[in-house]
Amino acid sequence: MLNFKQLNNITGWVMFVIATLVYILSVEQTASFWDPGEFIAVSYKLQVPHPPGAPFFLLVYRMFSFLAFGNELEIAYWMNVGSAVFSGLTILFLFWSITLFGRKLFGVIPGEESKGQTISLLGAGIVGSLIYTFSDSFWFSAVEAEVYAMSSFFTAIVIWAFLKWDVIKDPKEENKWMIFIAYLVGLSIGVHLLNLVALPALALIYYFKKYPNPNLKGA
């Protein structure tokens, strides 16, 4: 009999497969007529894009260009596929974030989930992640080589990591996760500054966990 943790992991990866497959099947075959053309060119040649720059993005998408195996007509396509993969990973961590947040919201004790709670939490995760999968703006960014797909991935994994940190009781484990989160935020700045928008929300998660009597002034 599968427990909640196993079902949560399996369902999350199923959401990843569904989202990634949808994006790859609908991916742009070449460069779009705006910034993706610039990012594809500078990633392939490891040059400098418009400010503030995206050095980590360029390095990662340069590796996706290798999948063209020297065929320059397919370089844009494979970089677009890179965005599809990162967008699929975004949906994966969104699903896990929804189930983590739902478990906290309803006071569900880890390892003691009832059948009804399991169905409710997984159902909420499936509905929420699939709605975002097929949302207009996210789908558009998922099928072209722009920084937003990779930036969304970093935002999703940072929020998921902080929600994981929130349920940890051991201070040593907390510190490990905090270092991991800081490292992810640092990498994300090499993609896009959008990830910094999540930091105020993460500060509130820290405050409500570490201070037993939260109030408006403290927040």
Protein backbone atom coordinates (compact mmCIF):
# COMPACT_ATOMS: atom_id res chain seq x y z
CA MET A 1 0.00 0.00 0.00
CA LEU A 2 1.47 3.32 -1.05
CA ASN A 3 1.70 6.01 1.62
CA PHE A 4 1.21 9.75 1.09
CA LYS A 5 4.91 10.47 0.56
CA GLN A 6 5.20 7.88 -2.20
CA LEU A 7 1.95 8.99 -3.87
CA ASN A 8 3.05 12.62 -3.61
CA ASN A 9 6.39 11.88 -5.29
CA ILE A 10 4.86 9.72 -8.05
CA THR A 11 2.05 12.17 -8.82
CA GLY A 12 4.51 15.07 -8.93
CA TRP A 13 6.62 13.31 -11.55
CA VAL A 14 3.48 12.45 -13.53
CA MET A 15 2.65 16.19 -13.61
CA PHE A 16 6.22 16.84 -14.82
CA VAL A 17 5.86 14.32 -17.66
CA ILE A 18 2.47 15.70 -18.74
CA ALA A 19 3.67 19.32 -18.72
CA THR A 20 7.00 18.63 -20.43
CA LEU A 21 5.36 16.49 -23.12
CA VAL A 22 2.78 19.21 -23.85
CA TYR A 23 5.49 21.86 -24.12
CA ILE A 24 7.82 19.78 -26.29
CA LEU A 25 4.97 18.90 -28.66
CA SER A 26 4.09 22.60 -29.02
CA VAL A 27 7.61 24.05 -28.87
CA GLU A 28 8.74 26.72 -31.34
CA GLN A 29 10.65 25.19 -34.24
CA THR A 30 12.95 28.19 -34.57
CA ALA A 31 13.58 31.62 -33.02
CA SER A 32 10.60 33.80 -32.08
CA PHE A 33 10.49 37.39 -33.31
CA TRP A 34 11.62 39.07 -30.09
CA ASP A 35 14.24 38.45 -27.35
CA PRO A 36 14.53 34.63 -27.85
CA GLY A 37 16.46 35.21 -31.08
CA GLU A 38 18.97 37.31 -29.19
CA PHE A 39 19.29 34.78 -26.35
CA ILE A 40 19.73 31.88 -28.77
CA ALA A 41 22.51 33.71 -30.62
CA VAL A 42 24.42 34.85 -27.53
CA SER A 43 24.01 31.47 -25.82
CA TYR A 44 25.41 29.67 -28.85
CA LYS A 45 28.42 32.02 -29.08
CA LEU A 46 28.63 32.72 -25.31
CA GLN A 47 28.42 36.45 -25.89
CA VAL A 48 26.73 39.22 -23.89
CA PRO A 49 22.94 39.84 -24.03
CA HIS A 50 21.11 43.01 -23.05
CA PRO A 51 21.49 44.23 -19.43
CA PRO A 52 21.51 43.05 -16.74
CA GLY A 53 22.81 39.90 -18.46
CA ALA A 54 22.11 36.22 -17.84
CA PRO A 55 25.45 34.36 -17.56
CA PHE A 56 24.15 31.15 -15.97
CA PHE A 57 21.31 30.98 -18.48
CA LEU A 58 23.80 31.26 -21.36
CA LEU A 59 25.99 28.44 -20.03
CA VAL A 60 23.06 26.06 -19.53
CA TYR A 61 21.43 26.77 -22.89
CA ARG A 62 24.80 26.44 -24.63
CA MET A 63 24.70 22.82 -23.46
CA PHE A 64 21.23 22.36 -24.96
CA SER A 65 22.68 23.56 -28.29
CA PHE A 66 24.99 20.52 -28.25
CA LEU A 67 21.91 18.35 -28.87
CA ALA A 68 21.80 19.75 -32.41
CA PHE A 69 25.08 17.84 -33.09
CA GLY A 70 26.49 20.60 -35.27
CA ASN A 71 23.33 21.23 -37.30
CA GLU A 72 22.98 24.99 -36.90
CA LEU A 73 19.41 24.92 -38.24
CA GLU A 74 18.32 22.92 -35.18
CA ILE A 75 20.12 24.94 -32.49
CA ALA A 76 17.16 27.23 -31.86
CA TYR A 77 14.80 24.25 -31.61
CA TRP A 78 16.90 22.48 -28.97
CA MET A 79 17.28 25.64 -26.89
CA ASN A 80 13.51 26.00 -27.02
CA VAL A 81 13.27 22.41 -25.78
CA GLY A 82 15.43 23.50 -22.85
CA SER A 83 12.71 25.96 -21.84
CA ALA A 84 10.13 23.17 -22.13
CA VAL A 85 12.13 21.00 -19.72
CA PHE A 86 12.63 23.80 -17.18
CA SER A 87 8.94 24.66 -17.38
CA GLY A 88 8.06 21.02 -16.73
CA LEU A 89 10.30 21.10 -13.66
CA THR A 90 8.51 24.28 -12.55
CA ILE A 91 5.21 22.37 -12.61
CA LEU A 92 6.81 19.53 -10.64
CA PHE A 93 7.91 21.83 -7.79
CA LEU A 94 4.63 23.77 -7.96
CA PHE A 95 2.76 20.52 -7.33
CA TRP A 96 4.96 19.65 -4.36
CA SER A 97 4.63 23.21 -3.01
CA ILE A 98 0.82 23.01 -3.17
CA THR A 99 0.73 19.72 -1.23
CA LEU A 100 3.23 21.04 1.33
CA PHE A 101 1.26 24.26 1.81
CA GLY A 102 -2.03 22.35 1.97
CA ARG A 103 -0.66 20.03 4.63
CA LYS A 104 0.39 23.03 6.73
CA LEU A 105 -2.84 24.92 6.10
CA PHE A 106 -5.00 22.06 7.37
CA GLY A 107 -2.63 21.00 10.16
CA VAL A 108 -1.94 17.57 8.68
CA ILE A 109 0.81 15.76 10.60
CA PRO A 110 3.44 14.26 8.22
CA GLY A 111 3.12 10.49 8.12
CA GLU A 112 -0.38 10.52 9.62
CA GLU A 113 -2.40 11.55 6.57
CA SER A 114 -5.83 9.95 6.31
CA LYS A 115 -7.23 8.64 3.04
CA GLY A 116 -9.48 11.69 2.69
CA GLN A 117 -6.60 14.10 3.40
CA THR A 118 -4.39 12.30 0.89
CA ILE A 119 -7.05 12.55 -1.83
CA SER A 120 -7.71 16.21 -1.03
CA LEU A 121 -4.05 17.22 -1.00
CA LEU A 122 -3.12 15.33 -4.17
CA GLY A 123 -6.29 16.57 -5.90
CA ALA A 124 -5.45 20.17 -5.02
CA GLY A 125 -1.91 19.70 -6.31
CA ILE A 126 -3.11 18.16 -9.59
CA VAL A 127 -5.71 20.86 -10.24
CA GLY A 128 -3.38 23.73 -9.31
CA SER A 129 -0.39 22.48 -11.29
CA LEU A 130 -2.41 21.60 -14.41
CA ILE A 131 -4.16 24.99 -14.38
CA TYR A 132 -0.76 26.66 -14.36
CA THR A 133 0.55 24.23 -17.00
CA PHE A 134 -2.07 25.41 -19.49
CA SER A 135 -2.14 29.08 -18.46
CA ASP A 136 -1.56 31.41 -21.39
CA SER A 137 1.54 33.38 -20.37
CA PHE A 138 3.38 30.43 -18.82
CA TRP A 139 2.76 28.20 -21.84
CA PHE A 140 4.13 30.90 -24.14
CA SER A 141 7.34 31.20 -22.10
CA ALA A 142 7.65 27.40 -21.96
CA VAL A 143 8.06 26.94 -25.70
CA GLU A 144 10.77 29.49 -26.50
CA ALA A 145 14.34 30.16 -25.37
CA GLU A 146 13.71 33.10 -23.05
CA VAL A 147 14.91 33.58 -19.47
CA TYR A 148 11.42 33.38 -17.96
CA ALA A 149 11.10 29.59 -18.15
CA MET A 150 14.35 29.00 -16.27
CA SER A 151 13.61 31.87 -13.87
CA SER A 152 10.19 30.36 -13.09
CA PHE A 153 11.93 27.07 -12.32
CA PHE A 154 14.24 28.75 -9.81
CA THR A 155 11.32 30.59 -8.20
CA ALA A 156 9.38 27.33 -7.89
CA ILE A 157 12.25 25.32 -6.40
CA VAL A 158 13.19 28.10 -3.94
CA ILE A 159 9.61 28.34 -2.63
CA TRP A 160 9.38 24.54 -2.42
CA ALA A 161 12.70 24.40 -0.54
CA PHE A 162 11.51 27.03 1.95
CA LEU A 163 8.27 25.13 2.55
CA LYS A 164 10.38 22.01 3.17
CA TRP A 165 12.57 24.03 5.55
CA ASP A 166 9.44 25.18 7.38
CA VAL A 167 8.56 21.64 8.54
CA ILE A 168 12.09 20.71 9.68
CA LYS A 169 12.69 20.71 13.44
CA ASP A 170 16.43 19.90 13.61
CA PRO A 171 18.50 23.17 13.54
CA LYS A 172 21.37 21.41 11.74
CA GLU A 173 19.05 20.27 8.95
CA GLU A 174 17.50 23.74 8.85
CA ASN A 175 20.91 25.28 8.20
CA LYS A 176 21.61 22.82 5.38
CA TRP A 177 18.37 23.77 3.65
CA MET A 178 18.98 27.48 4.24
CA ILE A 179 22.40 27.23 2.54
CA PHE A 180 20.79 25.32 -0.32
CA ILE A 181 18.13 28.05 -0.68
CA ALA A 182 20.75 30.83 -0.65
CA TYR A 183 22.74 28.97 -3.33
CA LEU A 184 19.65 28.65 -5.54
CA VAL A 185 18.84 32.35 -5.16
CA GLY A 186 22.44 33.18 -6.12
CA LEU A 187 22.24 31.02 -9.25
CA SER A 188 18.87 32.51 -10.17
CA ILE A 189 20.38 36.00 -10.32
CA GLY A 190 22.52 34.68 -13.17
CA VAL A 191 19.27 34.01 -15.04
CA HIS A 192 16.86 36.82 -14.15
CA LEU A 193 16.19 39.09 -11.17
CA LEU A 194 12.58 37.89 -10.94
CA ASN A 195 13.50 35.38 -8.23
CA LEU A 196 14.20 38.22 -5.79
CA VAL A 197 10.46 38.97 -5.70
CA ALA A 198 9.97 35.77 -3.65
CA LEU A 199 12.31 36.87 -0.84
CA PRO A 200 9.80 39.00 1.14
CA ALA A 201 7.38 36.05 1.23
CA LEU A 202 10.20 33.75 2.35
CA ALA A 203 11.09 36.23 5.11
CA LEU A 204 7.53 35.93 6.41
CA ILE A 205 7.77 32.12 6.44
CA TYR A 206 10.95 32.46 8.50
CA TYR A 207 9.30 34.96 10.88
CA PHE A 208 6.18 32.87 11.53
CA LYS A 209 8.29 29.78 12.24
CA LYS A 210 10.94 31.36 14.45
CA TYR A 211 8.76 33.72 16.49
CA PRO A 212 6.05 32.02 18.59
CA ASN A 213 3.94 35.18 19.03
CA PRO A 214 3.73 36.81 15.58
CA ASN A 215 2.12 40.24 15.31
CA LEU A 216 1.71 43.01 12.77
CA LYS A 217 4.60 45.05 14.15
CA GLY A 218 6.93 42.07 14.05
CA ALA A 219 5.94 41.24 10.48
